[in-house]
Full PDB file with SEQRES, HELIX, SHEET, SSBOND, CRYST1, ORIGX, SCALE, CONECT and MASTER records, all heavy atoms in Angstrom:
SEQRES   1 A   35  GLU GLU GLU VAL GLU VAL LEU ARG ARG ARG ILE ALA ARG          
SEQRES   2 A   35  GLN ARG GLU GLU THR VAL LEU ALA PRO VAL ILE ASP ALA          
SEQRES   3 A   35  THR ARG LEU ALA GLU LEU GLN ALA THR                          
HELIX    1 AA1 GLU A    2  ARG A   13  1                                  12    
HELIX    2 AA2 ALA A   26  ALA A   34  1                                   9    
CRYST1    1.000    1.000    1.000  90.00  90.00  90.00 P 1           1          
ORIGX1      1.000000  0.000000  0.000000        0.00000                         
ORIGX2      0.000000  1.000000  0.000000        0.00000                         
ORIGX3      0.000000  0.000000  1.000000        0.00000                         
SCALE1      1.000000  0.000000  0.000000        0.00000                         
SCALE2      0.000000  1.000000  0.000000        0.00000                         
SCALE3      0.000000  0.000000  1.000000        0.00000                         
ATOM      1  N   GLU A   1     -19.913  31.354  20.551  1.00  0.00           N  
ATOM      2  CA  GLU A   1     -20.422  31.091  19.205  1.00  0.00           C  
ATOM      3  C   GLU A   1     -19.320  30.585  18.278  1.00  0.00           C  
ATOM      4  O   GLU A   1     -19.549  29.712  17.439  1.00  0.00           O  
ATOM      5  CB  GLU A   1     -21.080  32.340  18.621  1.00  0.00           C  
ATOM      6  CG  GLU A   1     -22.482  32.593  19.136  1.00  0.00           C  
ATOM      7  CD  GLU A   1     -23.397  31.392  18.930  1.00  0.00           C  
ATOM      8  OE1 GLU A   1     -23.420  30.846  17.818  1.00  0.00           O  
ATOM      9  OE2 GLU A   1     -24.080  30.998  19.885  1.00  0.00           O  
ATOM     10  N   GLU A   2     -18.108  31.146  18.427  1.00  0.00           N  
ATOM     11  CA  GLU A   2     -16.995  30.680  17.603  1.00  0.00           C  
ATOM     12  C   GLU A   2     -16.599  29.256  17.977  1.00  0.00           C  
ATOM     13  O   GLU A   2     -16.251  28.450  17.105  1.00  0.00           O  
ATOM     14  CB  GLU A   2     -15.802  31.624  17.755  1.00  0.00           C  
ATOM     15  CG  GLU A   2     -16.037  32.986  17.128  1.00  0.00           C  
ATOM     16  CD  GLU A   2     -14.841  33.901  17.274  1.00  0.00           C  
ATOM     17  OE1 GLU A   2     -13.826  33.453  17.869  1.00  0.00           O  
ATOM     18  OE2 GLU A   2     -14.901  35.056  16.804  1.00  0.00           O  
ATOM     19  N   GLU A   3     -16.657  28.944  19.259  1.00  0.00           N  
ATOM     20  CA  GLU A   3     -16.330  27.584  19.687  1.00  0.00           C  
ATOM     21  C   GLU A   3     -17.356  26.585  19.162  1.00  0.00           C  
ATOM     22  O   GLU A   3     -17.007  25.459  18.765  1.00  0.00           O  
ATOM     23  CB  GLU A   3     -16.251  27.523  21.208  1.00  0.00           C  
ATOM     24  CG  GLU A   3     -15.591  26.265  21.733  1.00  0.00           C  
ATOM     25  CD  GLU A   3     -15.224  26.371  23.203  1.00  0.00           C  
ATOM     26  OE1 GLU A   3     -15.356  27.460  23.783  1.00  0.00           O  
ATOM     27  OE2 GLU A   3     -14.800  25.340  23.767  1.00  0.00           O  
ATOM     28  N   VAL A   4     -18.622  26.997  19.127  1.00  0.00           N  
ATOM     29  CA  VAL A   4     -19.662  26.147  18.545  1.00  0.00           C  
ATOM     30  C   VAL A   4     -19.389  25.930  17.063  1.00  0.00           C  
ATOM     31  O   VAL A   4     -19.543  24.823  16.534  1.00  0.00           O  
ATOM     32  CB  VAL A   4     -21.057  26.771  18.757  1.00  0.00           C  
ATOM     33  CG1 VAL A   4     -22.108  26.027  17.934  1.00  0.00           C  
ATOM     34  CG2 VAL A   4     -21.435  26.744  20.228  1.00  0.00           C  
ATOM     35  N   GLU A   5     -18.947  26.988  16.367  1.00  0.00           N  
ATOM     36  CA  GLU A   5     -18.645  26.868  14.946  1.00  0.00           C  
ATOM     37  C   GLU A   5     -17.484  25.910  14.710  1.00  0.00           C  
ATOM     38  O   GLU A   5     -17.465  25.179  13.712  1.00  0.00           O  
ATOM     39  CB  GLU A   5     -18.330  28.245  14.359  1.00  0.00           C  
ATOM     40  CG  GLU A   5     -18.013  28.257  12.879  1.00  0.00           C  
ATOM     41  CD  GLU A   5     -19.158  27.777  12.009  1.00  0.00           C  
ATOM     42  OE1 GLU A   5     -20.325  27.832  12.453  1.00  0.00           O  
ATOM     43  OE2 GLU A   5     -18.890  27.344  10.868  1.00  0.00           O  
ATOM     44  N   VAL A   6     -16.490  25.910  15.610  1.00  0.00           N  
ATOM     45  CA  VAL A   6     -15.390  24.954  15.509  1.00  0.00           C  
ATOM     46  C   VAL A   6     -15.933  23.529  15.538  1.00  0.00           C  
ATOM     47  O   VAL A   6     -15.529  22.663  14.741  1.00  0.00           O  
ATOM     48  CB  VAL A   6     -14.382  25.165  16.655  1.00  0.00           C  
ATOM     49  CG1 VAL A   6     -13.349  24.033  16.685  1.00  0.00           C  
ATOM     50  CG2 VAL A   6     -13.667  26.503  16.496  1.00  0.00           C  
ATOM     51  N   LEU A   7     -16.869  23.260  16.434  1.00  0.00           N  
ATOM     52  CA  LEU A   7     -17.451  21.923  16.534  1.00  0.00           C  
ATOM     53  C   LEU A   7     -18.274  21.581  15.294  1.00  0.00           C  
ATOM     54  O   LEU A   7     -18.244  20.447  14.806  1.00  0.00           O  
ATOM     55  CB  LEU A   7     -18.321  21.833  17.789  1.00  0.00           C  
ATOM     56  CG  LEU A   7     -17.617  22.122  19.130  1.00  0.00           C  
ATOM     57  CD1 LEU A   7     -18.579  21.891  20.288  1.00  0.00           C  
ATOM     58  CD2 LEU A   7     -16.381  21.262  19.291  1.00  0.00           C  
ATOM     59  N   ARG A   8     -19.020  22.562  14.786  1.00  0.00           N  
ATOM     60  CA  ARG A   8     -19.813  22.321  13.567  1.00  0.00           C  
ATOM     61  C   ARG A   8     -18.905  21.903  12.412  1.00  0.00           C  
ATOM     62  O   ARG A   8     -19.206  20.962  11.677  1.00  0.00           O  
ATOM     63  CB  ARG A   8     -20.583  23.583  13.173  1.00  0.00           C  
ATOM     64  CG  ARG A   8     -21.771  23.938  14.057  1.00  0.00           C  
ATOM     65  CD  ARG A   8     -22.680  24.930  13.341  1.00  0.00           C  
ATOM     66  NE  ARG A   8     -23.660  25.513  14.244  1.00  0.00           N  
ATOM     67  CZ  ARG A   8     -23.571  26.720  14.772  1.00  0.00           C  
ATOM     68  NH1 ARG A   8     -22.548  27.494  14.466  1.00  0.00           N  
ATOM     69  NH2 ARG A   8     -24.505  27.170  15.583  1.00  0.00           N  
ATOM     70  N   ARG A   9     -17.808  22.627  12.239  1.00  0.00           N  
ATOM     71  CA  ARG A   9     -16.908  22.328  11.120  1.00  0.00           C  
ATOM     72  C   ARG A   9     -16.229  20.980  11.306  1.00  0.00           C  
ATOM     73  O   ARG A   9     -15.963  20.282  10.330  1.00  0.00           O  
ATOM     74  CB  ARG A   9     -15.869  23.444  10.982  1.00  0.00           C  
ATOM     75  CG  ARG A   9     -16.472  24.790  10.597  1.00  0.00           C  
ATOM     76  CD  ARG A   9     -15.394  25.799  10.249  1.00  0.00           C  
ATOM     77  NE  ARG A   9     -15.958  27.131  10.011  1.00  0.00           N  
ATOM     78  CZ  ARG A   9     -15.270  28.175   9.567  1.00  0.00           C  
ATOM     79  NH1 ARG A   9     -13.968  28.047   9.309  1.00  0.00           N  
ATOM     80  NH2 ARG A   9     -15.852  29.340   9.392  1.00  0.00           N  
ATOM     81  N   ARG A  10     -15.952  20.625  12.545  1.00  0.00           N  
ATOM     82  CA  ARG A  10     -15.349  19.301  12.789  1.00  0.00           C  
ATOM     83  C   ARG A  10     -16.321  18.195  12.398  1.00  0.00           C  
ATOM     84  O   ARG A  10     -15.927  17.176  11.791  1.00  0.00           O  
ATOM     85  CB  ARG A  10     -14.958  19.173  14.265  1.00  0.00           C  
ATOM     86  CG  ARG A  10     -14.476  17.784  14.679  1.00  0.00           C  
ATOM     87  CD  ARG A  10     -13.235  17.379  13.887  1.00  0.00           C  
ATOM     88  NE  ARG A  10     -12.794  16.029  14.215  1.00  0.00           N  
ATOM     89  CZ  ARG A  10     -13.271  14.936  13.659  1.00  0.00           C  
ATOM     90  NH1 ARG A  10     -14.202  15.026  12.711  1.00  0.00           N  
ATOM     91  NH2 ARG A  10     -12.809  13.749  14.016  1.00  0.00           N  
ATOM     92  N   ILE A  11     -17.590  18.371  12.701  1.00  0.00           N  
ATOM     93  CA  ILE A  11     -18.602  17.377  12.316  1.00  0.00           C  
ATOM     94  C   ILE A  11     -18.728  17.308  10.798  1.00  0.00           C  
ATOM     95  O   ILE A  11     -18.783  16.220  10.203  1.00  0.00           O  
ATOM     96  CB  ILE A  11     -19.953  17.720  12.965  1.00  0.00           C  
ATOM     97  CG1 ILE A  11     -19.873  17.552  14.488  1.00  0.00           C  
ATOM     98  CG2 ILE A  11     -21.069  16.837  12.392  1.00  0.00           C  
ATOM     99  CD1 ILE A  11     -21.114  18.015  15.223  1.00  0.00           C  
ATOM    100  N   ALA A  12     -18.773  18.466  10.149  1.00  0.00           N  
ATOM    101  CA  ALA A  12     -18.931  18.497   8.695  1.00  0.00           C  
ATOM    102  C   ALA A  12     -17.715  17.908   7.995  1.00  0.00           C  
ATOM    103  O   ALA A  12     -17.847  17.278   6.938  1.00  0.00           O  
ATOM    104  CB  ALA A  12     -19.164  19.939   8.233  1.00  0.00           C  
ATOM    105  N   ARG A  13     -16.532  18.083   8.578  1.00  0.00           N  
ATOM    106  CA  ARG A  13     -15.297  17.593   7.955  1.00  0.00           C  
ATOM    107  C   ARG A  13     -15.181  16.072   8.028  1.00  0.00           C  
ATOM    108  O   ARG A  13     -14.565  15.440   7.174  1.00  0.00           O  
ATOM    109  CB  ARG A  13     -14.098  18.247   8.658  1.00  0.00           C  
ATOM    110  CG  ARG A  13     -12.805  18.148   7.909  1.00  0.00           C  
ATOM    111  CD  ARG A  13     -11.772  19.122   8.444  1.00  0.00           C  
ATOM    112  NE  ARG A  13     -11.464  18.927   9.853  1.00  0.00           N  
ATOM    113  CZ  ARG A  13     -11.675  19.830  10.813  1.00  0.00           C  
ATOM    114  NH1 ARG A  13     -12.219  20.986  10.507  1.00  0.00           N  
ATOM    115  NH2 ARG A  13     -11.348  19.576  12.063  1.00  0.00           N  
ATOM    116  N   GLN A  14     -15.725  15.465   9.065  1.00  0.00           N  
ATOM    117  CA  GLN A  14     -15.740  14.013   9.282  1.00  0.00           C  
ATOM    118  C   GLN A  14     -14.340  13.405   9.403  1.00  0.00           C  
ATOM    119  O   GLN A  14     -14.129  12.236   9.141  1.00  0.00           O  
ATOM    120  CB  GLN A  14     -16.520  13.307   8.168  1.00  0.00           C  
ATOM    121  CG  GLN A  14     -17.987  13.698   8.136  1.00  0.00           C  
ATOM    122  CD  GLN A  14     -18.762  12.914   7.102  1.00  0.00           C  
ATOM    123  OE1 GLN A  14     -18.206  12.171   6.304  1.00  0.00           O  
ATOM    124  NE2 GLN A  14     -20.081  13.042   7.123  1.00  0.00           N  
ATOM    125  N   ARG A  15     -13.393  14.221   9.771  1.00  0.00           N  
ATOM    126  CA  ARG A  15     -12.034  13.729  10.041  1.00  0.00           C  
ATOM    127  C   ARG A  15     -11.311  14.801  10.850  1.00  0.00           C  
ATOM    128  O   ARG A  15     -11.713  15.959  10.878  1.00  0.00           O  
ATOM    129  CB  ARG A  15     -11.272  13.430   8.744  1.00  0.00           C  
ATOM    130  CG  ARG A  15     -11.011  14.625   7.867  1.00  0.00           C  
ATOM    131  CD  ARG A  15     -10.271  14.239   6.601  1.00  0.00           C  
ATOM    132  NE  ARG A  15      -9.906  15.393   5.813  1.00  0.00           N  
ATOM    133  CZ  ARG A  15     -10.693  16.029   4.970  1.00  0.00           C  
ATOM    134  NH1 ARG A  15     -11.938  15.590   4.775  1.00  0.00           N  
ATOM    135  NH2 ARG A  15     -10.264  17.087   4.305  1.00  0.00           N  
ATOM    136  N   GLU A  16     -10.222  14.397  11.482  1.00  0.00           N  
ATOM    137  CA  GLU A  16      -9.490  15.329  12.337  1.00  0.00           C  
ATOM    138  C   GLU A  16      -8.566  16.235  11.534  1.00  0.00           C  
ATOM    139  O   GLU A  16      -8.501  17.432  11.771  1.00  0.00           O  
ATOM    140  CB  GLU A  16      -8.669  14.547  13.376  1.00  0.00           C  
ATOM    141  CG  GLU A  16      -7.984  15.436  14.419  1.00  0.00           C  
ATOM    142  CD  GLU A  16      -8.982  16.225  15.256  1.00  0.00           C  
ATOM    143  OE1 GLU A  16     -10.092  15.715  15.507  1.00  0.00           O  
ATOM    144  OE2 GLU A  16      -8.655  17.365  15.637  1.00  0.00           O  
ATOM    145  N   GLU A  17      -7.835  15.660  10.570  1.00  0.00           N  
ATOM    146  CA  GLU A  17      -6.844  16.439   9.845  1.00  0.00           C  
ATOM    147  C   GLU A  17      -7.506  17.394   8.856  1.00  0.00           C  
ATOM    148  O   GLU A  17      -8.630  17.163   8.389  1.00  0.00           O  
ATOM    149  CB  GLU A  17      -5.864  15.519   9.102  1.00  0.00           C  
ATOM    150  CG  GLU A  17      -6.473  14.704   7.966  1.00  0.00           C  
ATOM    151  CD  GLU A  17      -7.139  13.434   8.451  1.00  0.00           C  
ATOM    152  OE1 GLU A  17      -7.223  13.221   9.668  1.00  0.00           O  
ATOM    153  OE2 GLU A  17      -7.587  12.645   7.583  1.00  0.00           O  
ATOM    154  N   THR A  18      -6.802  18.487   8.563  1.00  0.00           N  
ATOM    155  CA  THR A  18      -7.279  19.476   7.600  1.00  0.00           C  
ATOM    156  C   THR A  18      -6.223  19.658   6.518  1.00  0.00           C  
ATOM    157  O   THR A  18      -5.026  19.680   6.794  1.00  0.00           O  
ATOM    158  CB  THR A  18      -7.536  20.829   8.276  1.00  0.00           C  
ATOM    159  OG1 THR A  18      -6.326  21.299   8.883  1.00  0.00           O  
ATOM    160  CG2 THR A  18      -8.622  20.703   9.340  1.00  0.00           C  
ATOM    161  N   VAL A  19      -6.670  19.767   5.285  1.00  0.00           N  
ATOM    162  CA  VAL A  19      -5.767  19.968   4.151  1.00  0.00           C  
ATOM    163  C   VAL A  19      -6.289  21.150   3.340  1.00  0.00           C  
ATOM    164  O   VAL A  19      -7.447  21.160   2.928  1.00  0.00           O  
ATOM    165  CB  VAL A  19      -5.677  18.717   3.262  1.00  0.00           C  
ATOM    166  CG1 VAL A  19      -4.757  18.983   2.086  1.00  0.00           C  
ATOM    167  CG2 VAL A  19      -5.189  17.521   4.067  1.00  0.00           C  
ATOM    168  N   LEU A  20      -5.415  22.144   3.127  1.00  0.00           N  
ATOM    169  CA  LEU A  20      -5.792  23.334   2.383  1.00  0.00           C  
ATOM    170  C   LEU A  20      -5.007  23.395   1.070  1.00  0.00           C  
ATOM    171  O   LEU A  20      -3.831  23.045   1.023  1.00  0.00           O  
ATOM    172  CB  LEU A  20      -5.509  24.594   3.203  1.00  0.00           C  
ATOM    173  CG  LEU A  20      -6.280  24.741   4.519  1.00  0.00           C  
ATOM    174  CD1 LEU A  20      -5.830  26.008   5.247  1.00  0.00           C  
ATOM    175  CD2 LEU A  20      -7.782  24.784   4.272  1.00  0.00           C  
ATOM    176  N   ALA A  21      -5.666  23.863   0.038  1.00  0.00           N  
ATOM    177  CA  ALA A  21      -4.991  24.053  -1.249  1.00  0.00           C  
ATOM    178  C   ALA A  21      -4.139  25.314  -1.180  1.00  0.00           C  
ATOM    179  O   ALA A  21      -4.569  26.333  -0.623  1.00  0.00           O  
ATOM    180  CB  ALA A  21      -6.015  24.172  -2.367  1.00  0.00           C  
ATOM    181  N   PRO A  22      -2.919  25.288  -1.718  1.00  0.00           N  
ATOM    182  CA  PRO A  22      -2.075  26.484  -1.686  1.00  0.00           C  
ATOM    183  C   PRO A  22      -2.658  27.607  -2.531  1.00  0.00           C  
ATOM    184  O   PRO A  22      -3.164  27.373  -3.627  1.00  0.00           O  
ATOM    185  CB  PRO A  22      -0.740  25.983  -2.247  1.00  0.00           C  
ATOM    186  CG  PRO A  22      -1.077  24.764  -3.031  1.00  0.00           C  
ATOM    187  CD  PRO A  22      -2.248  24.139  -2.351  1.00  0.00           C  
ATOM    188  N   VAL A  23      -2.570  28.817  -2.012  1.00  0.00           N  
ATOM    189  CA  VAL A  23      -3.018  30.001  -2.744  1.00  0.00           C  
ATOM    190  C   VAL A  23      -1.880  30.560  -3.579  1.00  0.00           C  
ATOM    191  O   VAL A  23      -2.068  30.985  -4.724  1.00  0.00           O  
ATOM    192  CB  VAL A  23      -3.544  31.074  -1.765  1.00  0.00           C  
ATOM    193  CG1 VAL A  23      -3.957  32.341  -2.524  1.00  0.00           C  
ATOM    194  CG2 VAL A  23      -4.715  30.528  -0.960  1.00  0.00           C  
ATOM    195  N   ILE A  24      -0.658  30.573  -3.007  1.00  0.00           N  
ATOM    196  CA  ILE A  24       0.543  30.989  -3.712  1.00  0.00           C  
ATOM    197  C   ILE A  24       1.609  29.926  -3.466  1.00  0.00           C  
ATOM    198  O   ILE A  24       1.338  28.919  -2.812  1.00  0.00           O  
ATOM    199  CB  ILE A  24       1.037  32.381  -3.245  1.00  0.00           C  
ATOM    200  CG1 ILE A  24       1.343  32.362  -1.740  1.00  0.00           C  
ATOM    201  CG2 ILE A  24       0.011  33.456  -3.563  1.00  0.00           C  
ATOM    202  CD1 ILE A  24       1.909  33.674  -1.223  1.00  0.00           C  
ATOM    203  N   ASP A  25       2.807  30.142  -3.973  1.00  0.00           N  
ATOM    204  CA  ASP A  25       3.895  29.211  -3.698  1.00  0.00           C  
ATOM    205  C   ASP A  25       5.078  29.975  -3.111  1.00  0.00           C  
ATOM    206  O   ASP A  25       5.037  31.203  -2.952  1.00  0.00           O  
ATOM    207  CB  ASP A  25       4.304  28.432  -4.950  1.00  0.00           C  
ATOM    208  CG  ASP A  25       4.721  29.348  -6.102  1.00  0.00           C  
ATOM    209  OD1 ASP A  25       5.055  30.523  -5.853  1.00  0.00           O  
ATOM    210  OD2 ASP A  25       4.714  28.885  -7.250  1.00  0.00           O  
ATOM    211  N   ALA A  26       6.144  29.242  -2.801  1.00  0.00           N  
ATOM    212  CA  ALA A  26       7.298  29.855  -2.146  1.00  0.00           C  
ATOM    213  C   ALA A  26       7.933  30.935  -3.025  1.00  0.00           C  
ATOM    214  O   ALA A  26       8.379  31.981  -2.526  1.00  0.00           O  
ATOM    215  CB  ALA A  26       8.328  28.785  -1.791  1.00  0.00           C  
ATOM    216  N   THR A  27       7.968  30.717  -4.320  1.00  0.00           N  
ATOM    217  CA  THR A  27       8.554  31.708  -5.227  1.00  0.00           C  
ATOM    218  C   THR A  27       7.761  33.002  -5.215  1.00  0.00           C  
ATOM    219  O   THR A  27       8.322  34.106  -5.146  1.00  0.00           O  
ATOM    220  CB  THR A  27       8.619  31.152  -6.656  1.00  0.00           C  
ATOM    221  OG1 THR A  27       9.411  29.957  -6.666  1.00  0.00           O  
ATOM    222  CG2 THR A  27       9.219  32.173  -7.609  1.00  0.00           C  
ATOM    223  N   ARG A  28       6.439  32.879  -5.264  1.00  0.00           N  
ATOM    224  CA  ARG A  28       5.596  34.075  -5.233  1.00  0.00           C  
ATOM    225  C   ARG A  28       5.701  34.779  -3.890  1.00  0.00           C  
ATOM    226  O   ARG A  28       5.705  36.012  -3.826  1.00  0.00           O  
ATOM    227  CB  ARG A  28       4.140  33.682  -5.513  1.00  0.00           C  
ATOM    228  CG  ARG A  28       3.155  34.853  -5.502  1.00  0.00           C  
ATOM    229  CD  ARG A  28       3.563  35.952  -6.454  1.00  0.00           C  
ATOM    230  NE  ARG A  28       2.618  37.074  -6.441  1.00  0.00           N  
ATOM    231  CZ  ARG A  28       2.918  38.278  -6.892  1.00  0.00           C  
ATOM    232  NH1 ARG A  28       4.128  38.524  -7.384  1.00  0.00           N  
ATOM    233  NH2 ARG A  28       2.019  39.239  -6.855  1.00  0.00           N  
ATOM    234  N   LEU A  29       5.792  34.035  -2.795  1.00  0.00           N  
ATOM    235  CA  LEU A  29       5.941  34.645  -1.477  1.00  0.00           C  
ATOM    236  C   LEU A  29       7.220  35.477  -1.426  1.00  0.00           C  
ATOM    237  O   LEU A  29       7.222  36.600  -0.897  1.00  0.00           O  
ATOM    238  CB  LEU A  29       5.962  33.579  -0.387  1.00  0.00           C  
ATOM    239  CG  LEU A  29       6.221  34.080   1.045  1.00  0.00           C  
ATOM    240  CD1 LEU A  29       5.167  35.094   1.474  1.00  0.00           C  
ATOM    241  CD2 LEU A  29       6.262  32.901   2.022  1.00  0.00           C  
ATOM    242  N   ALA A  30       8.306  34.957  -1.972  1.00  0.00           N  
ATOM    243  CA  ALA A  30       9.560  35.706  -2.004  1.00  0.00           C  
ATOM    244  C   ALA A  30       9.402  37.000  -2.806  1.00  0.00           C  
ATOM    245  O   ALA A  30       9.965  38.040  -2.445  1.00  0.00           O  
ATOM    246  CB  ALA A  30      10.672  34.842  -2.599  1.00  0.00           C  
ATOM    247  N   GLU A  31       8.623  36.955  -3.891  1.00  0.00           N  
ATOM    248  CA  GLU A  31       8.384  38.161  -4.681  1.00  0.00           C  
ATOM    249  C   GLU A  31       7.582  39.190  -3.885  1.00  0.00           C  
ATOM    250  O   GLU A  31       7.861  40.390  -3.935  1.00  0.00           O  
ATOM    251  CB  GLU A  31       7.634  37.800  -5.967  1.00  0.00           C  
ATOM    252  CG  GLU A  31       8.449  36.958  -6.946  1.00  0.00           C  
ATOM    253  CD  GLU A  31       7.610  36.476  -8.115  1.00  0.00           C  
ATOM    254  OE1 GLU A  31       6.371  36.695  -8.094  1.00  0.00           O  
ATOM    255  OE2 GLU A  31       8.179  35.878  -9.048  1.00  0.00           O  
ATOM    256  N   LEU A  32       6.587  38.718  -3.137  1.00  0.00           N  
ATOM    257  CA  LEU A  32       5.785  39.630  -2.318  1.00  0.00           C  
ATOM    258  C   LEU A  32       6.646  40.266  -1.234  1.00  0.00           C  
ATOM    259  O   LEU A  32       6.505  41.462  -0.938  1.00  0.00           O  
ATOM    260  CB  LEU A  32       4.608  38.882  -1.686  1.00  0.00           C  
ATOM    261  CG  LEU A  32       3.602  38.233  -2.637  1.00  0.00           C  
ATOM    262  CD1 LEU A  32       2.457  37.606  -1.856  1.00  0.00           C  
ATOM    263  CD2 LEU A  32       3.070  39.252  -3.626  1.00  0.00           C  
ATOM    264  N   GLN A  33       7.531  39.481  -0.637  1.00  0.00           N  
ATOM    265  CA  GLN A  33       8.409  40.022   0.389  1.00  0.00           C  
ATOM    266  C   GLN A  33       9.338  41.090  -0.171  1.00  0.00           C  
ATOM    267  O   GLN A  33       9.613  42.098   0.482  1.00  0.00           O  
ATOM    268  CB  GLN A  33       9.220  38.881   1.022  1.00  0.00           C  
ATOM    269  CG  GLN A  33       8.365  37.930   1.855  1.00  0.00           C  
ATOM    270  CD  GLN A  33       9.130  36.711   2.333  1.00  0.00           C  
ATOM    271  OE1 GLN A  33      10.127  36.309   1.725  1.00  0.00           O  
ATOM    272  NE2 GLN A  33       8.674  36.099   3.408  1.00  0.00           N  
ATOM    273  N   ALA A  34       9.809  40.886  -1.397  1.00  0.00           N  
ATOM    274  CA  ALA A  34      10.680  41.884  -2.026  1.00  0.00           C  
ATOM    275  C   ALA A  34       9.916  43.172  -2.322  1.00  0.00           C  
ATOM    276  O   ALA A  34      10.480  44.274  -2.261  1.00  0.00           O  
ATOM    277  CB  ALA A  34      11.281  41.318  -3.309  1.00  0.00           C  
ATOM    278  N   THR A  35       8.621  43.054  -2.620  1.00  0.00           N  
ATOM    279  CA  THR A  35       7.809  44.226  -2.934  1.00  0.00           C  
ATOM    280  C   THR A  35       7.697  45.157  -1.731  1.00  0.00           C  
ATOM    281  O   THR A  35       7.614  46.380  -1.885  1.00  0.00           O  
ATOM    282  CB  THR A  35       6.410  43.786  -3.398  1.00  0.00           C  
ATOM    283  OG1 THR A  35       6.536  42.959  -4.552  1.00  0.00           O  
ATOM    284  CG2 THR A  35       5.533  44.985  -3.731  1.00  0.00           C  
TER     285      THR A  35                                                      
MASTER        0    0    0    2    0    0    0    6  284    1    0    3          
END                                                                             
């Protein structure tokens, strides 16, 4: 079922590459690591 979902998302995306918006940045990651 998960493999089928991979194919569904590939069809919906209509391209091979994927681009995600950043949730945090490198500075914030360093702060989380210090915590």
